[in-house]
Amino acid sequence: MRGIILILILLVVAAIAALATGLINLDVVRPAAAPKVEVTGNGITARGGQAPAIRVETGKVQVKPPEIQVTPRRDETQPATAPAANQAAPAQPPVATTDSTQR
């Protein structure tokens, strides 16, 4: 429970800091209007009213990556000197079995 309260406090402090530094700017475009409430014998009715319209502007952060020059590595290859050294071994002859189950 204490952890949740601590997180909520940190969120409120972060929101206040964002508003105070101008990172977030809130402008009310259309103010709120309360609805007209009437009480009748059938119950309570509410008509009209509107929610406020708010324009939110956030700060922009531009990060320009530094220019880095990379020189590619050059590997030199040498041709094989002995072609027989890179050959597959000859195939082995099949082994004769004397198993009585083979026909």
C-alpha atoms as a PDB file:
ATOM      1  CA  MET A   1       0.000   0.000   0.000  1.00  0.00           C
ATOM      2  CA  ARG A   2       2.857   2.366   0.822  1.00  0.00           C
ATOM      3  CA  GLY A   3       4.448   1.574  -2.525  1.00  0.00           C
ATOM      4  CA  ILE A   4       1.310   2.534  -4.438  1.00  0.00           C
ATOM      5  CA  ILE A   5       1.000   5.810  -2.516  1.00  0.00           C
ATOM      6  CA  LEU A   6       4.677   6.567  -3.217  1.00  0.00           C
ATOM      7  CA  ILE A   7       4.189   5.933  -6.952  1.00  0.00           C
ATOM      8  CA  LEU A   8       1.115   8.204  -7.016  1.00  0.00           C
ATOM      9  CA  ILE A   9       3.017  10.969  -5.228  1.00  0.00           C
ATOM     10  CA  LEU A  10       5.895  10.676  -7.723  1.00  0.00           C
ATOM     11  CA  LEU A  11       3.449  10.875 -10.653  1.00  0.00           C
ATOM     12  CA  VAL A  12       1.846  14.031  -9.258  1.00  0.00           C
ATOM     13  CA  VAL A  13       5.254  15.625  -8.678  1.00  0.00           C
ATOM     14  CA  ALA A  14       6.330  14.709 -12.242  1.00  0.00           C
ATOM     15  CA  ALA A  15       3.128  16.235 -13.671  1.00  0.00           C
ATOM     16  CA  ILE A  16       3.641  19.452 -11.693  1.00  0.00           C
ATOM     17  CA  ALA A  17       7.274  19.640 -12.837  1.00  0.00           C
ATOM     18  CA  ALA A  18       6.263  19.111 -16.486  1.00  0.00           C
ATOM     19  CA  LEU A  19       3.684  21.893 -16.284  1.00  0.00           C
ATOM     20  CA  ALA A  20       6.025  24.263 -14.423  1.00  0.00           C
ATOM     21  CA  THR A  21       8.912  23.863 -16.865  1.00  0.00           C
ATOM     22  CA  GLY A  22       6.719  24.281 -19.943  1.00  0.00           C
ATOM     23  CA  LEU A  23       7.262  20.750 -21.197  1.00  0.00           C
ATOM     24  CA  ILE A  24       3.460  20.391 -21.240  1.00  0.00           C
ATOM     25  CA  ASN A  25       1.172  23.335 -22.006  1.00  0.00           C
ATOM     26  CA  LEU A  26      -2.605  23.127 -21.468  1.00  0.00           C
ATOM     27  CA  ASP A  27      -4.931  25.695 -23.103  1.00  0.00           C
ATOM     28  CA  VAL A  28      -8.696  25.710 -22.516  1.00  0.00           C
ATOM     29  CA  VAL A  29     -10.347  26.152 -25.917  1.00  0.00           C
ATOM     30  CA  ARG A  30     -13.981  25.809 -24.816  1.00  0.00           C
ATOM     31  CA  PRO A  31     -15.008  26.177 -21.172  1.00  0.00           C
ATOM     32  CA  ALA A  32     -17.244  23.666 -19.462  1.00  0.00           C
ATOM     33  CA  ALA A  33     -20.955  24.383 -19.058  1.00  0.00           C
ATOM     34  CA  ALA A  34     -23.002  22.778 -16.303  1.00  0.00           C
ATOM     35  CA  PRO A  35     -26.205  21.010 -17.364  1.00  0.00           C
ATOM     36  CA  LYS A  36     -29.610  22.423 -16.481  1.00  0.00           C
ATOM     37  CA  VAL A  37     -31.147  20.149 -13.839  1.00  0.00           C
ATOM     38  CA  GLU A  38     -34.911  19.954 -13.275  1.00  0.00           C
ATOM     39  CA  VAL A  39     -36.711  18.061 -10.556  1.00  0.00           C
ATOM     40  CA  THR A  40     -40.192  16.861 -11.484  1.00  0.00           C
ATOM     41  CA  GLY A  41     -42.650  14.376 -10.078  1.00  0.00           C
ATOM     42  CA  ASN A  42     -41.243  11.738 -12.465  1.00  0.00           C
ATOM     43  CA  GLY A  43     -37.650  12.169 -11.315  1.00  0.00           C
ATOM     44  CA  ILE A  44     -34.645  14.319 -12.053  1.00  0.00           C
ATOM     45  CA  THR A  45     -33.764  15.362 -15.618  1.00  0.00           C
ATOM     46  CA  ALA A  46     -30.610  17.038 -16.845  1.00  0.00           C
ATOM     47  CA  ARG A  47     -30.331  18.828 -20.194  1.00  0.00           C
ATOM     48  CA  GLY A  48     -27.550  20.636 -21.948  1.00  0.00           C
ATOM     49  CA  GLY A  49     -24.080  21.127 -20.618  1.00  0.00           C
ATOM     50  CA  GLN A  50     -20.794  20.472 -22.335  1.00  0.00           C
ATOM     51  CA  ALA A  51     -17.412  19.091 -21.467  1.00  0.00           C
ATOM     52  CA  PRO A  52     -14.436  21.434 -21.716  1.00  0.00           C
ATOM     53  CA  ALA A  53     -12.161  21.309 -24.756  1.00  0.00           C
ATOM     54  CA  ILE A  54      -8.478  21.463 -23.916  1.00  0.00           C
ATOM     55  CA  ARG A  55      -5.570  21.772 -26.349  1.00  0.00           C
ATOM     56  CA  VAL A  56      -2.406  20.067 -25.157  1.00  0.00           C
ATOM     57  CA  GLU A  57       1.005  21.067 -26.493  1.00  0.00           C
ATOM     58  CA  THR A  58       4.019  19.000 -25.568  1.00  0.00           C
ATOM     59  CA  GLY A  59       7.667  19.847 -25.846  1.00  0.00           C
ATOM     60  CA  LYS A  60       9.757  18.510 -28.681  1.00  0.00           C
ATOM     61  CA  VAL A  61      13.099  16.835 -28.269  1.00  0.00           C
ATOM     62  CA  GLN A  62      15.396  16.520 -31.244  1.00  0.00           C
ATOM     63  CA  VAL A  63      18.369  14.237 -31.048  1.00  0.00           C
ATOM     64  CA  LYS A  64      20.956  14.477 -33.781  1.00  0.00           C
ATOM     65  CA  PRO A  65      23.198  11.434 -33.826  1.00  0.00           C
ATOM     66  CA  PRO A  66      26.907  12.155 -34.134  1.00  0.00           C
ATOM     67  CA  GLU A  67      28.552  11.439 -37.462  1.00  0.00           C
ATOM     68  CA  ILE A  68      30.858   8.461 -37.253  1.00  0.00           C
ATOM     69  CA  GLN A  69      33.236   7.358 -39.972  1.00  0.00           C
ATOM     70  CA  VAL A  70      33.742   3.632 -40.168  1.00  0.00           C
ATOM     71  CA  THR A  71      36.489   2.088 -42.231  1.00  0.00           C
ATOM     72  CA  PRO A  72      35.613  -1.412 -43.397  1.00  0.00           C
ATOM     73  CA  ARG A  73      37.976  -4.221 -42.496  1.00  0.00           C
ATOM     74  CA  ARG A  74      39.801  -5.753 -45.417  1.00  0.00           C
ATOM     75  CA  ASP A  75      40.382  -9.480 -45.280  1.00  0.00           C
ATOM     76  CA  GLU A  76      42.794 -10.985 -47.720  1.00  0.00           C
ATOM     77  CA  THR A  77      42.297 -14.528 -48.891  1.00  0.00           C
ATOM     78  CA  GLN A  78      45.039 -16.871 -49.992  1.00  0.00           C
ATOM     79  CA  PRO A  79      44.473 -19.602 -52.564  1.00  0.00           C
ATOM     80  CA  ALA A  80      44.921 -23.164 -51.336  1.00  0.00           C
ATOM     81  CA  THR A  81      48.422 -24.450 -51.931  1.00  0.00           C
ATOM     82  CA  ALA A  82      47.683 -28.167 -51.777  1.00  0.00           C
ATOM     83  CA  PRO A  83      44.341 -29.082 -53.375  1.00  0.00           C
ATOM     84  CA  ALA A  84      44.520 -32.651 -52.067  1.00  0.00           C
ATOM     85  CA  ALA A  85      44.517 -31.417 -48.459  1.00  0.00           C
ATOM     86  CA  ASN A  86      40.940 -30.267 -48.758  1.00  0.00           C
ATOM     87  CA  GLN A  87      39.407 -33.425 -50.199  1.00  0.00           C
ATOM     88  CA  ALA A  88      36.816 -35.718 -48.678  1.00  0.00           C
ATOM     89  CA  ALA A  89      37.921 -39.112 -47.408  1.00  0.00           C
ATOM     90  CA  PRO A  90      37.166 -42.068 -49.688  1.00  0.00           C
ATOM     91  CA  ALA A  91      34.012 -44.044 -48.994  1.00  0.00           C
ATOM     92  CA  GLN A  92      34.337 -47.081 -46.729  1.00  0.00           C
ATOM     93  CA  PRO A  93      33.249 -50.443 -48.105  1.00  0.00           C
ATOM     94  CA  PRO A  94      30.075 -51.835 -46.539  1.00  0.00           C
ATOM     95  CA  VAL A  95      30.576 -54.137 -43.561  1.00  0.00           C
ATOM     96  CA  ALA A  96      29.342 -57.692 -44.016  1.00  0.00           C
ATOM     97  CA  THR A  97      26.989 -58.875 -41.307  1.00  0.00           C
ATOM     98  CA  THR A  98      26.196 -62.391 -40.280  1.00  0.00           C
ATOM     99  CA  ASP A  99      22.920 -61.630 -38.566  1.00  0.00           C
ATOM    100  CA  SER A 100      20.423 -64.443 -38.995  1.00  0.00           C
ATOM    101  CA  THR A 101      17.484 -62.038 -39.228  1.00  0.00           C
ATOM    102  CA  GLN A 102      18.712 -60.541 -42.486  1.00  0.00           C
ATOM    103  CA  ARG A 103      17.639 -62.297 -45.668  1.00  0.00           C
END
